[in-house]
PDB file of N, CA and C in Angstrom:
ATOM      1  N   MET A   1     -25.127 -50.469 -28.481  1.00  0.00           N
ATOM      2  CA  MET A   1     -24.487 -49.091 -28.991  1.00  0.00           C
ATOM      3  C   MET A   1     -25.308 -47.951 -28.892  1.00  0.00           C
ATOM      4  N   LYS A   2     -26.606 -48.383 -28.695  1.00  0.00           N
ATOM      5  CA  LYS A   2     -27.457 -46.737 -28.515  1.00  0.00           C
ATOM      6  C   LYS A   2     -27.394 -46.952 -26.886  1.00  0.00           C
ATOM      7  N   ASP A   3     -27.268 -48.213 -25.830  1.00  0.00           N
ATOM      8  CA  ASP A   3     -27.175 -47.627 -25.119  1.00  0.00           C
ATOM      9  C   ASP A   3     -25.920 -46.664 -24.356  1.00  0.00           C
ATOM     10  N   LYS A   4     -24.977 -46.959 -25.213  1.00  0.00           N
ATOM     11  CA  LYS A   4     -23.653 -46.230 -24.696  1.00  0.00           C
ATOM     12  C   LYS A   4     -23.723 -44.869 -25.404  1.00  0.00           C
ATOM     13  N   LEU A   5     -24.757 -44.800 -26.348  1.00  0.00           N
ATOM     14  CA  LEU A   5     -24.697 -43.270 -27.061  1.00  0.00           C
ATOM     15  C   LEU A   5     -25.581 -42.452 -25.963  1.00  0.00           C
ATOM     16  N   ALA A   6     -26.770 -43.152 -25.789  1.00  0.00           N
ATOM     17  CA  ALA A   6     -27.488 -42.457 -24.469  1.00  0.00           C
ATOM     18  C   ALA A   6     -26.721 -42.267 -23.167  1.00  0.00           C
ATOM     19  N   CYS A   7     -25.973 -43.003 -22.897  1.00  0.00           N
ATOM     20  CA  CYS A   7     -24.696 -42.554 -21.715  1.00  0.00           C
ATOM     21  C   CYS A   7     -24.325 -41.745 -21.750  1.00  0.00           C
ATOM     22  N   PHE A   8     -23.274 -41.478 -23.093  1.00  0.00           N
ATOM     23  CA  PHE A   8     -22.644 -40.680 -22.999  1.00  0.00           C
ATOM     24  C   PHE A   8     -23.231 -38.923 -23.323  1.00  0.00           C
ATOM     25  N   VAL A   9     -24.871 -39.175 -23.975  1.00  0.00           N
ATOM     26  CA  VAL A   9     -25.037 -38.039 -24.256  1.00  0.00           C
ATOM     27  C   VAL A   9     -25.829 -37.644 -23.094  1.00  0.00           C
ATOM     28  N   PHE A  10     -26.051 -38.094 -22.188  1.00  0.00           N
ATOM     29  CA  PHE A  10     -26.759 -37.850 -20.548  1.00  0.00           C
ATOM     30  C   PHE A  10     -25.762 -37.255 -19.787  1.00  0.00           C
ATOM     31  N   LEU A  11     -24.246 -37.939 -19.933  1.00  0.00           N
ATOM     32  CA  LEU A  11     -23.334 -37.472 -18.876  1.00  0.00           C
ATOM     33  C   LEU A  11     -22.504 -35.787 -19.784  1.00  0.00           C
ATOM     34  N   ALA A  12     -22.580 -35.974 -20.905  1.00  0.00           N
ATOM     35  CA  ALA A  12     -22.193 -34.630 -21.925  1.00  0.00           C
ATOM     36  C   ALA A  12     -23.363 -33.259 -20.875  1.00  0.00           C
ATOM     37  N   ILE A  13     -24.681 -33.663 -21.227  1.00  0.00           N
ATOM     38  CA  ILE A  13     -25.439 -32.727 -20.916  1.00  0.00           C
ATOM     39  C   ILE A  13     -25.507 -32.356 -19.256  1.00  0.00           C
ATOM     40  N   GLY A  14     -24.700 -33.700 -18.481  1.00  0.00           N
ATOM     41  CA  GLY A  14     -24.886 -33.240 -17.476  1.00  0.00           C
ATOM     42  C   GLY A  14     -23.498 -32.274 -16.495  1.00  0.00           C
ATOM     43  N   PHE A  15     -22.336 -32.890 -17.612  1.00  0.00           N
ATOM     44  CA  PHE A  15     -21.107 -31.721 -17.323  1.00  0.00           C
ATOM     45  C   PHE A  15     -21.449 -30.280 -17.649  1.00  0.00           C
ATOM     46  N   LEU A  16     -22.250 -30.086 -19.041  1.00  0.00           N
ATOM     47  CA  LEU A  16     -22.850 -28.759 -19.437  1.00  0.00           C
ATOM     48  C   LEU A  16     -23.399 -28.207 -18.324  1.00  0.00           C
ATOM     49  N   SER A  17     -24.447 -28.539 -18.098  1.00  0.00           N
ATOM     50  CA  SER A  17     -25.181 -28.207 -16.483  1.00  0.00           C
ATOM     51  C   SER A  17     -24.182 -27.576 -15.517  1.00  0.00           C
ATOM     52  N   LEU A  18     -23.057 -28.675 -15.089  1.00  0.00           N
ATOM     53  CA  LEU A  18     -22.296 -28.340 -14.035  1.00  0.00           C
ATOM     54  C   LEU A  18     -21.363 -26.866 -14.062  1.00  0.00           C
ATOM     55  N   SER A  19     -21.264 -26.684 -15.552  1.00  0.00           N
ATOM     56  CA  SER A  19     -20.070 -25.572 -15.807  1.00  0.00           C
ATOM     57  C   SER A  19     -20.681 -24.125 -16.456  1.00  0.00           C
ATOM     58  N   GLN A  20     -21.746 -24.257 -16.205  1.00  0.00           N
ATOM     59  CA  GLN A  20     -22.617 -22.738 -16.991  1.00  0.00           C
ATOM     60  C   GLN A  20     -21.663 -21.660 -16.438  1.00  0.00           C
ATOM     61  N   ASP A  21     -21.891 -20.490 -16.799  1.00  0.00           N
ATOM     62  CA  ASP A  21     -21.496 -19.454 -15.945  1.00  0.00           C
ATOM     63  C   ASP A  21     -22.317 -18.746 -15.515  1.00  0.00           C
ATOM     64  N   THR A  22     -21.963 -18.603 -14.044  1.00  0.00           N
ATOM     65  CA  THR A  22     -23.147 -18.075 -13.276  1.00  0.00           C
ATOM     66  C   THR A  22     -22.947 -16.116 -12.870  1.00  0.00           C
ATOM     67  N   THR A  23     -22.089 -15.647 -14.100  1.00  0.00           N
ATOM     68  CA  THR A  23     -21.970 -14.721 -13.718  1.00  0.00           C
ATOM     69  C   THR A  23     -23.099 -13.173 -14.180  1.00  0.00           C
ATOM     70  N   PHE A  24     -23.390 -12.843 -13.579  1.00  0.00           N
ATOM     71  CA  PHE A  24     -24.510 -11.564 -13.715  1.00  0.00           C
ATOM     72  C   PHE A  24     -23.807 -10.154 -13.402  1.00  0.00           C
ATOM     73  N   LEU A  25     -24.573  -9.127 -13.934  1.00  0.00           N
ATOM     74  CA  LEU A  25     -24.413  -7.769 -14.038  1.00  0.00           C
ATOM     75  C   LEU A  25     -25.594  -6.974 -12.815  1.00  0.00           C
ATOM     76  N   LYS A  26     -24.598  -6.577 -11.914  1.00  0.00           N
ATOM     77  CA  LYS A  26     -25.440  -5.779 -11.099  1.00  0.00           C
ATOM     78  C   LYS A  26     -25.076  -4.361 -11.085  1.00  0.00           C
ATOM     79  N   ILE A  27     -26.257  -3.515 -11.210  1.00  0.00           N
ATOM     80  CA  ILE A  27     -25.930  -2.070 -11.707  1.00  0.00           C
ATOM     81  C   ILE A  27     -26.697  -1.232 -10.095  1.00  0.00           C
ATOM     82  N   SER A  28     -26.096  -0.272  -9.492  1.00  0.00           N
ATOM     83  CA  SER A  28     -26.472   0.522  -8.609  1.00  0.00           C
ATOM     84  C   SER A  28     -25.548   1.558  -8.360  1.00  0.00           C
ATOM     85  N   TYR A  29     -26.600   2.611  -7.610  1.00  0.00           N
ATOM     86  CA  TYR A  29     -25.790   4.385  -7.626  1.00  0.00           C
ATOM     87  C   TYR A  29     -24.723   3.695  -6.544  1.00  0.00           C
ATOM     88  N   ALA A  30     -23.790   4.736  -6.457  1.00  0.00           N
ATOM     89  CA  ALA A  30     -22.851   5.148  -5.246  1.00  0.00           C
ATOM     90  C   ALA A  30     -23.759   5.069  -4.100  1.00  0.00           C
ATOM     91  N   GLY A  31     -23.230   4.575  -2.752  1.00  0.00           N
ATOM     92  CA  GLY A  31     -23.819   4.686  -1.239  1.00  0.00           C
ATOM     93  C   GLY A  31     -24.814   3.745  -1.102  1.00  0.00           C
ATOM     94  N   ASN A  32     -25.356   3.154  -2.488  1.00  0.00           N
ATOM     95  CA  ASN A  32     -26.307   2.037  -1.930  1.00  0.00           C
ATOM     96  C   ASN A  32     -25.594   0.773  -1.437  1.00  0.00           C
ATOM     97  N   ILE A  33     -26.841   0.050  -0.826  1.00  0.00           N
ATOM     98  CA  ILE A  33     -26.233  -1.370  -0.331  1.00  0.00           C
ATOM     99  C   ILE A  33     -26.897  -2.322  -0.787  1.00  0.00           C
ATOM    100  N   LEU A  34     -26.090  -3.922  -1.251  1.00  0.00           N
ATOM    101  CA  LEU A  34     -26.278  -4.915  -2.232  1.00  0.00           C
ATOM    102  C   LEU A  34     -26.767  -5.879  -0.782  1.00  0.00           C
ATOM    103  N   LYS A  35     -27.462  -6.672  -0.674  1.00  0.00           N
ATOM    104  CA  LYS A  35     -27.405  -7.724   0.463  1.00  0.00           C
ATOM    105  C   LYS A  35     -27.531  -9.164  -0.639  1.00  0.00           C
ATOM    106  N   VAL A  36     -26.376  -9.939  -0.179  1.00  0.00           N
ATOM    107  CA  VAL A  36     -26.699 -10.996  -0.471  1.00  0.00           C
ATOM    108  C   VAL A  36     -27.434 -12.330  -0.257  1.00  0.00           C
ATOM    109  N   PRO A  37     -28.252 -13.070  -1.282  1.00  0.00           N
ATOM    110  CA  PRO A  37     -29.407 -13.849  -1.056  1.00  0.00           C
ATOM    111  C   PRO A  37     -28.863 -14.788   0.393  1.00  0.00           C
ATOM    112  N   GLU A  38     -29.893 -15.294   0.846  1.00  0.00           N
ATOM    113  CA  GLU A  38     -29.870 -16.177   2.147  1.00  0.00           C
ATOM    114  C   GLU A  38     -28.731 -17.593   1.673  1.00  0.00           C
ATOM    115  N   ASP A  39     -29.182 -18.111   0.348  1.00  0.00           N
ATOM    116  CA  ASP A  39     -28.547 -19.143   0.069  1.00  0.00           C
ATOM    117  C   ASP A  39     -27.352 -19.556  -0.994  1.00  0.00           C
ATOM    118  N   LYS A  40     -26.976 -17.952  -1.281  1.00  0.00           N
ATOM    119  CA  LYS A  40     -25.768 -17.637  -2.525  1.00  0.00           C
ATOM    120  C   LYS A  40     -24.618 -17.231  -1.834  1.00  0.00           C
ATOM    121  N   ILE A  41     -23.357 -17.482  -2.558  1.00  0.00           N
ATOM    122  CA  ILE A  41     -22.314 -16.819  -1.954  1.00  0.00           C
ATOM    123  C   ILE A  41     -21.906 -15.860  -3.668  1.00  0.00           C
ATOM    124  N   TRP A  42     -21.699 -14.310  -3.245  1.00  0.00           N
ATOM    125  CA  TRP A  42     -21.017 -13.544  -4.643  1.00  0.00           C
ATOM    126  C   TRP A  42     -19.566 -13.665  -4.435  1.00  0.00           C
ATOM    127  N   THR A  43     -19.159 -13.586  -5.495  1.00  0.00           N
ATOM    128  CA  THR A  43     -17.610 -13.258  -6.035  1.00  0.00           C
ATOM    129  C   THR A  43     -17.588 -12.094  -6.670  1.00  0.00           C
ATOM    130  N   ILE A  44     -17.219 -10.848  -6.506  1.00  0.00           N
ATOM    131  CA  ILE A  44     -16.954  -9.948  -7.611  1.00  0.00           C
ATOM    132  C   ILE A  44     -16.145 -10.152  -8.440  1.00  0.00           C
ATOM    133  N   LYS A  45     -15.903 -10.153  -9.779  1.00  0.00           N
ATOM    134  CA  LYS A  45     -14.964 -10.497 -10.597  1.00  0.00           C
ATOM    135  C   LYS A  45     -14.559  -9.011 -11.045  1.00  0.00           C
ATOM    136  N   ARG A  46     -15.593  -8.521 -11.542  1.00  0.00           N
ATOM    137  CA  ARG A  46     -14.960  -6.892 -12.252  1.00  0.00           C
ATOM    138  C   ARG A  46     -15.759  -5.672 -11.683  1.00  0.00           C
ATOM    139  N   ALA A  47     -15.172  -4.859 -11.530  1.00  0.00           N
ATOM    140  CA  ALA A  47     -16.029  -3.579 -11.177  1.00  0.00           C
ATOM    141  C   ALA A  47     -15.838  -2.248 -12.030  1.00  0.00           C
ATOM    142  N   PHE A  48     -16.766  -1.561 -12.500  1.00  0.00           N
ATOM    143  CA  PHE A  48     -16.778  -0.330 -13.286  1.00  0.00           C
ATOM    144  C   PHE A  48     -17.528   0.524 -12.666  1.00  0.00           C
ATOM    145  N   ILE A  49     -17.224   2.058 -13.208  1.00  0.00           N
ATOM    146  CA  ILE A  49     -17.981   3.271 -12.542  1.00  0.00           C
ATOM    147  C   ILE A  49     -18.396   3.939 -13.902  1.00  0.00           C
ATOM    148  N   SER A  50     -19.538   4.524 -13.633  1.00  0.00           N
ATOM    149  CA  SER A  50     -20.089   5.498 -15.223  1.00  0.00           C
ATOM    150  C   SER A  50     -21.009   6.696 -14.641  1.00  0.00           C
ATOM    151  N   GLU A  51     -20.965   7.343 -15.303  1.00  0.00           N
ATOM    152  CA  GLU A  51     -22.300   8.491 -15.128  1.00  0.00           C
ATOM    153  C   GLU A  51     -23.492   8.440 -15.613  1.00  0.00           C
ATOM    154  N   GLY A  52     -23.852   6.679 -16.036  1.00  0.00           N
ATOM    155  CA  GLY A  52     -25.199   6.354 -17.130  1.00  0.00           C
ATOM    156  C   GLY A  52     -24.961   6.685 -18.493  1.00  0.00           C
ATOM    157  N   GLY A  53     -23.969   7.005 -18.933  1.00  0.00           N
ATOM    158  CA  GLY A  53     -23.536   6.993 -20.128  1.00  0.00           C
ATOM    159  C   GLY A  53     -22.678   5.495 -20.902  1.00  0.00           C
ATOM    160  N   GLN A  54     -22.451   5.686 -21.884  1.00  0.00           N
ATOM    161  CA  GLN A  54     -22.157   4.464 -22.826  1.00  0.00           C
ATOM    162  C   GLN A  54     -20.731   4.200 -22.489  1.00  0.00           C
ATOM    163  N   TYR A  55     -20.074   4.735 -21.736  1.00  0.00           N
ATOM    164  CA  TYR A  55     -18.617   4.445 -21.514  1.00  0.00           C
ATOM    165  C   TYR A  55     -18.529   4.570 -19.670  1.00  0.00           C
ATOM    166  N   ALA A  56     -17.921   3.207 -19.183  1.00  0.00           N
ATOM    167  CA  ALA A  56     -17.483   3.341 -18.009  1.00  0.00           C
ATOM    168  C   ALA A  56     -16.091   2.965 -17.725  1.00  0.00           C
ATOM    169  N   ILE A  57     -15.516   3.018 -16.592  1.00  0.00           N
ATOM    170  CA  ILE A  57     -14.031   2.768 -16.316  1.00  0.00           C
ATOM    171  C   ILE A  57     -13.783   1.834 -15.479  1.00  0.00           C
ATOM    172  N   GLN A  58     -12.817   1.017 -15.675  1.00  0.00           N
ATOM    173  CA  GLN A  58     -12.746  -0.267 -14.481  1.00  0.00           C
ATOM    174  C   GLN A  58     -12.384   0.380 -13.511  1.00  0.00           C
ATOM    175  N   ILE A  59     -12.492  -0.181 -12.342  1.00  0.00           N
ATOM    176  CA  ILE A  59     -11.830   0.543 -10.791  1.00  0.00           C
ATOM    177  C   ILE A  59     -11.291  -1.037 -10.322  1.00  0.00           C
ATOM    178  N   ARG A  60     -10.499  -0.573  -9.645  1.00  0.00           N
ATOM    179  CA  ARG A  60      -9.856  -1.982  -8.891  1.00  0.00           C
ATOM    180  C   ARG A  60     -10.553  -2.528  -7.703  1.00  0.00           C
ATOM    181  N   ALA A  61     -10.166  -4.017  -8.182  1.00  0.00           N
ATOM    182  CA  ALA A  61     -11.001  -4.898  -7.322  1.00  0.00           C
ATOM    183  C   ALA A  61     -10.958  -4.833  -5.863  1.00  0.00           C
ATOM    184  N   ASN A  62      -9.704  -4.040  -5.292  1.00  0.00           N
ATOM    185  CA  ASN A  62      -9.494  -4.358  -3.584  1.00  0.00           C
ATOM    186  C   ASN A  62     -10.678  -3.154  -3.231  1.00  0.00           C
ATOM    187  N   ASN A  63     -11.428  -2.441  -4.010  1.00  0.00           N
ATOM    188  CA  ASN A  63     -12.421  -1.384  -3.242  1.00  0.00           C
ATOM    189  C   ASN A  63     -13.530  -2.613  -2.629  1.00  0.00           C
ATOM    190  N   PHE A  64     -13.419  -3.662  -2.956  1.00  0.00           N
ATOM    191  CA  PHE A  64     -14.397  -4.843  -2.485  1.00  0.00           C
ATOM    192  C   PHE A  64     -13.850  -5.614  -1.627  1.00  0.00           C
ATOM    193  N   SER A  65     -14.678  -6.363  -0.855  1.00  0.00           N
ATOM    194  CA  SER A  65     -14.018  -7.827  -0.734  1.00  0.00           C
ATOM    195  C   SER A  65     -14.169  -8.965  -1.571  1.00  0.00           C
ATOM    196  N   THR A  66     -13.316  -9.856  -2.076  1.00  0.00           N
ATOM    197  CA  THR A  66     -13.597 -10.629  -3.205  1.00  0.00           C
ATOM    198  C   THR A  66     -15.127 -11.770  -2.773  1.00  0.00           C
ATOM    199  N   ILE A  67     -14.833 -12.155  -1.755  1.00  0.00           N
ATOM    200  CA  ILE A  67     -15.908 -12.823  -1.667  1.00  0.00           C
ATOM    201  C   ILE A  67     -17.002 -12.221  -0.301  1.00  0.00           C
ATOM    202  N   TYR A  68     -18.268 -12.791  -0.940  1.00  0.00           N
ATOM    203  CA  TYR A  68     -19.529 -12.198   0.214  1.00  0.00           C
ATOM    204  C   TYR A  68     -20.564 -13.455   0.582  1.00  0.00           C
ATOM    205  N   ASN A  69     -20.609 -13.840   1.595  1.00  0.00           N
ATOM    206  CA  ASN A  69     -21.051 -14.982   2.215  1.00  0.00           C
ATOM    207  C   ASN A  69     -22.895 -14.009   2.115  1.00  0.00           C
ATOM    208  N   PRO A  70     -23.471 -15.974   2.621  1.00  0.00           N
ATOM    209  CA  PRO A  70     -24.680 -15.281   2.383  1.00  0.00           C
ATOM    210  C   PRO A  70     -25.538 -13.960   3.443  1.00  0.00           C
ATOM    211  N   ASN A  71     -25.879 -13.858   3.409  1.00  0.00           N
ATOM    212  CA  ASN A  71     -26.692 -12.243   3.863  1.00  0.00           C
ATOM    213  C   ASN A  71     -25.615 -11.084   3.986  1.00  0.00           C
ATOM    214  N   GLU A  72     -24.283 -11.042   3.609  1.00  0.00           N
ATOM    215  CA  GLU A  72     -23.990 -10.082   3.989  1.00  0.00           C
ATOM    216  C   GLU A  72     -23.661  -9.094   3.068  1.00  0.00           C
ATOM    217  N   THR A  73     -23.728  -7.979   3.362  1.00  0.00           N
ATOM    218  CA  THR A  73     -23.917  -6.543   2.568  1.00  0.00           C
ATOM    219  C   THR A  73     -22.725  -5.958   1.697  1.00  0.00           C
ATOM    220  N   ILE A  74     -22.862  -5.693   0.770  1.00  0.00           N
ATOM    221  CA  ILE A  74     -22.002  -4.817   0.440  1.00  0.00           C
ATOM    222  C   ILE A  74     -22.480  -3.586  -0.398  1.00  0.00           C
ATOM    223  N   GLU A  75     -21.588  -2.288   0.715  1.00  0.00           N
ATOM    224  CA  GLU A  75     -22.066  -1.204   0.677  1.00  0.00           C
ATOM    225  C   GLU A  75     -20.983  -0.856  -0.779  1.00  0.00           C
ATOM    226  N   LEU A  76     -21.518  -0.027  -1.210  1.00  0.00           N
ATOM    227  CA  LEU A  76     -20.850   0.938  -2.660  1.00  0.00           C
ATOM    228  C   LEU A  76     -20.818   2.080  -2.254  1.00  0.00           C
ATOM    229  N   PRO A  77     -19.208   2.380  -1.921  1.00  0.00           N
ATOM    230  CA  PRO A  77     -18.662   4.043  -1.622  1.00  0.00           C
ATOM    231  C   PRO A  77     -19.428   5.552  -2.375  1.00  0.00           C
ATOM    232  N   LEU A  78     -19.374   5.861  -1.240  1.00  0.00           N
ATOM    233  CA  LEU A  78     -19.788   7.033  -2.074  1.00  0.00           C
ATOM    234  C   LEU A  78     -18.724   7.805  -2.697  1.00  0.00           C
ATOM    235  N   TYR A  79     -17.398   7.646  -2.723  1.00  0.00           N
ATOM    236  CA  TYR A  79     -16.528   8.294  -3.115  1.00  0.00           C
ATOM    237  C   TYR A  79     -15.174   7.070  -3.151  1.00  0.00           C
ATOM    238  N   ILE A  80     -14.684   7.322  -4.756  1.00  0.00           N
ATOM    239  CA  ILE A  80     -13.154   6.575  -4.622  1.00  0.00           C
ATOM    240  C   ILE A  80     -12.640   7.673  -5.792  1.00  0.00           C
ATOM    241  N   PRO A  81     -11.854   7.532  -5.654  1.00  0.00           N
ATOM    242  CA  PRO A  81     -10.492   8.735  -6.939  1.00  0.00           C
ATOM    243  C   PRO A  81     -11.053   8.579  -8.414  1.00  0.00           C
ATOM    244  N   GLU A  82     -11.096   7.343  -8.616  1.00  0.00           N
ATOM    245  CA  GLU A  82     -11.350   7.137 -10.084  1.00  0.00           C
ATOM    246  C   GLU A  82     -12.552   7.975 -10.346  1.00  0.00           C
ATOM    247  N   MET A  83     -13.666   8.470  -9.381  1.00  0.00           N
ATOM    248  CA  MET A  83     -14.986   9.161  -9.639  1.00  0.00           C
ATOM    249  C   MET A  83     -14.574  10.927 -10.042  1.00  0.00           C
ATOM    250  N   GLU A  84     -13.271  10.988 -10.030  1.00  0.00           N
ATOM    251  CA  GLU A  84     -12.567  12.142 -10.580  1.00  0.00           C
ATOM    252  C   GLU A  84     -12.801  12.387 -12.038  1.00  0.00           C
ATOM    253  N   LEU A  85     -12.652  10.999 -12.586  1.00  0.00           N
ATOM    254  CA  LEU A  85     -12.508  11.033 -14.403  1.00  0.00           C
ATOM    255  C   LEU A  85     -14.005  11.292 -14.946  1.00  0.00           C
ATOM    256  N   LEU A  86     -15.015  11.251 -14.016  1.00  0.00           N
ATOM    257  CA  LEU A  86     -16.256  11.228 -14.420  1.00  0.00           C
ATOM    258  C   LEU A  86     -17.202  12.994 -14.375  1.00  0.00           C
ATOM    259  N   ASN A  87     -17.921  13.299 -15.300  1.00  0.00           N
ATOM    260  CA  ASN A  87     -18.453  14.596 -15.488  1.00  0.00           C
ATOM    261  C   ASN A  87     -19.217  14.831 -14.345  1.00  0.00           C
ATOM    262  N   LEU A  88     -20.392  14.032 -14.453  1.00  0.00           N
ATOM    263  CA  LEU A  88     -21.250  13.757 -13.157  1.00  0.00           C
ATOM    264  C   LEU A  88     -21.259  12.844 -11.815  1.00  0.00           C
ATOM    265  N   LYS A  89     -20.270  13.609 -11.127  1.00  0.00           N
ATOM    266  CA  LYS A  89     -20.087  13.054  -9.797  1.00  0.00           C
ATOM    267  C   LYS A  89     -21.271  12.394  -8.952  1.00  0.00           C
ATOM    268  N   ASP A  90     -22.398  13.145  -9.163  1.00  0.00           N
ATOM    269  CA  ASP A  90     -23.611  12.989  -8.642  1.00  0.00           C
ATOM    270  C   ASP A  90     -24.333  11.614  -8.636  1.00  0.00           C
ATOM    271  N   MET A  91     -23.894  11.489  -9.975  1.00  0.00           N
ATOM    272  CA  MET A  91     -24.691  10.437 -10.639  1.00  0.00           C
ATOM    273  C   MET A  91     -24.192   8.696 -11.195  1.00  0.00           C
ATOM    274  N   VAL A  92     -22.899   8.446 -10.028  1.00  0.00           N
ATOM    275  CA  VAL A  92     -22.047   7.301 -10.470  1.00  0.00           C
ATOM    276  C   VAL A  92     -22.822   6.015 -10.128  1.00  0.00           C
ATOM    277  N   GLN A  93     -22.693   5.756 -11.374  1.00  0.00           N
ATOM    278  CA  GLN A  93     -23.357   4.258 -10.924  1.00  0.00           C
ATOM    279  C   GLN A  93     -22.283   3.083 -11.055  1.00  0.00           C
ATOM    280  N   PHE A  94     -22.433   2.041 -10.698  1.00  0.00           N
ATOM    281  CA  PHE A  94     -21.531   1.037 -10.298  1.00  0.00           C
ATOM    282  C   PHE A  94     -21.803  -0.134 -11.000  1.00  0.00           C
ATOM    283  N   HIS A  95     -20.983  -0.894 -11.859  1.00  0.00           N
ATOM    284  CA  HIS A  95     -21.149  -1.797 -12.474  1.00  0.00           C
ATOM    285  C   HIS A  95     -20.509  -2.637 -11.850  1.00  0.00           C
ATOM    286  N   LEU A  96     -21.140  -3.994 -11.237  1.00  0.00           N
ATOM    287  CA  LEU A  96     -20.573  -5.048 -10.886  1.00  0.00           C
ATOM    288  C   LEU A  96     -20.772  -6.472 -11.238  1.00  0.00           C
ATOM    289  N   TYR A  97     -19.875  -7.164 -11.817  1.00  0.00           N
ATOM    290  CA  TYR A  97     -19.978  -8.402 -12.600  1.00  0.00           C
ATOM    291  C   TYR A  97     -19.925  -9.357 -11.394  1.00  0.00           C
ATOM    292  N   ILE A  98     -20.626 -10.257 -10.890  1.00  0.00           N
ATOM    293  CA  ILE A  98     -20.903 -11.240  -9.694  1.00  0.00           C
ATOM    294  C   ILE A  98     -21.025 -12.447 -10.324  1.00  0.00           C
ATOM    295  N   SER A  99     -19.657 -13.338  -9.719  1.00  0.00           N
ATOM    296  CA  SER A  99     -20.367 -14.407 -10.195  1.00  0.00           C
ATOM    297  C   SER A  99     -21.017 -15.178  -8.530  1.00  0.00           C
ATOM    298  N   GLU A 100     -21.652 -15.990  -8.901  1.00  0.00           N
ATOM    299  CA  GLU A 100     -22.793 -16.392  -7.699  1.00  0.00           C
ATOM    300  C   GLU A 100     -22.548 -18.459  -7.951  1.00  0.00           C
ATOM    301  N   SER A 101     -22.358 -18.565  -6.512  1.00  0.00           N
ATOM    302  CA  SER A 101     -22.665 -19.988  -6.455  1.00  0.00           C
ATOM    303  C   SER A 101     -23.699 -20.160  -5.157  1.00  0.00           C
ATOM    304  N   THR A 102     -23.983 -21.558  -4.901  1.00  0.00           N
ATOM    305  CA  THR A 102     -24.428 -21.831  -4.026  1.00  0.00           C
ATOM    306  C   THR A 102     -23.995 -22.006  -2.557  1.00  0.00           C
ATOM    307  N   ASN A 103     -24.693 -21.814  -1.573  1.00  0.00           N
ATOM    308  CA  ASN A 103     -24.191 -21.910  -0.320  1.00  0.00           C
ATOM    309  C   ASN A 103     -24.131 -23.581   0.082  1.00  0.00           C
ATOM    310  N   LYS A 104     -23.387 -24.448   0.155  1.00  0.00           N
ATOM    311  CA  LYS A 104     -23.506 -25.853   0.688  1.00  0.00           C
ATOM    312  C   LYS A 104     -23.353 -26.166   2.020  1.00  0.00           C
TER     313      LYS A 104
END
């Protein structure tokens, strides 16, 4: 009985480690370039802009490719139409929610 319980616990922990959320937030200013690490694949899930304050405006995902492969660059645009909704257009920050996976 103990062996079955130990096996179940081992499998449950292994399953939980495989299903971890790998989404992280990357914040950068308009015009900057982000580079995907050598052994990673990035998928942009959601994107927002803000002027550094509390509020952010969600932007269309079609401003970016959906998947970026190892060593690719993400060029943040200097201008998108949604920036007109902000007061400080010269201090625009992009908030990118990126899901990361390992290149196999």
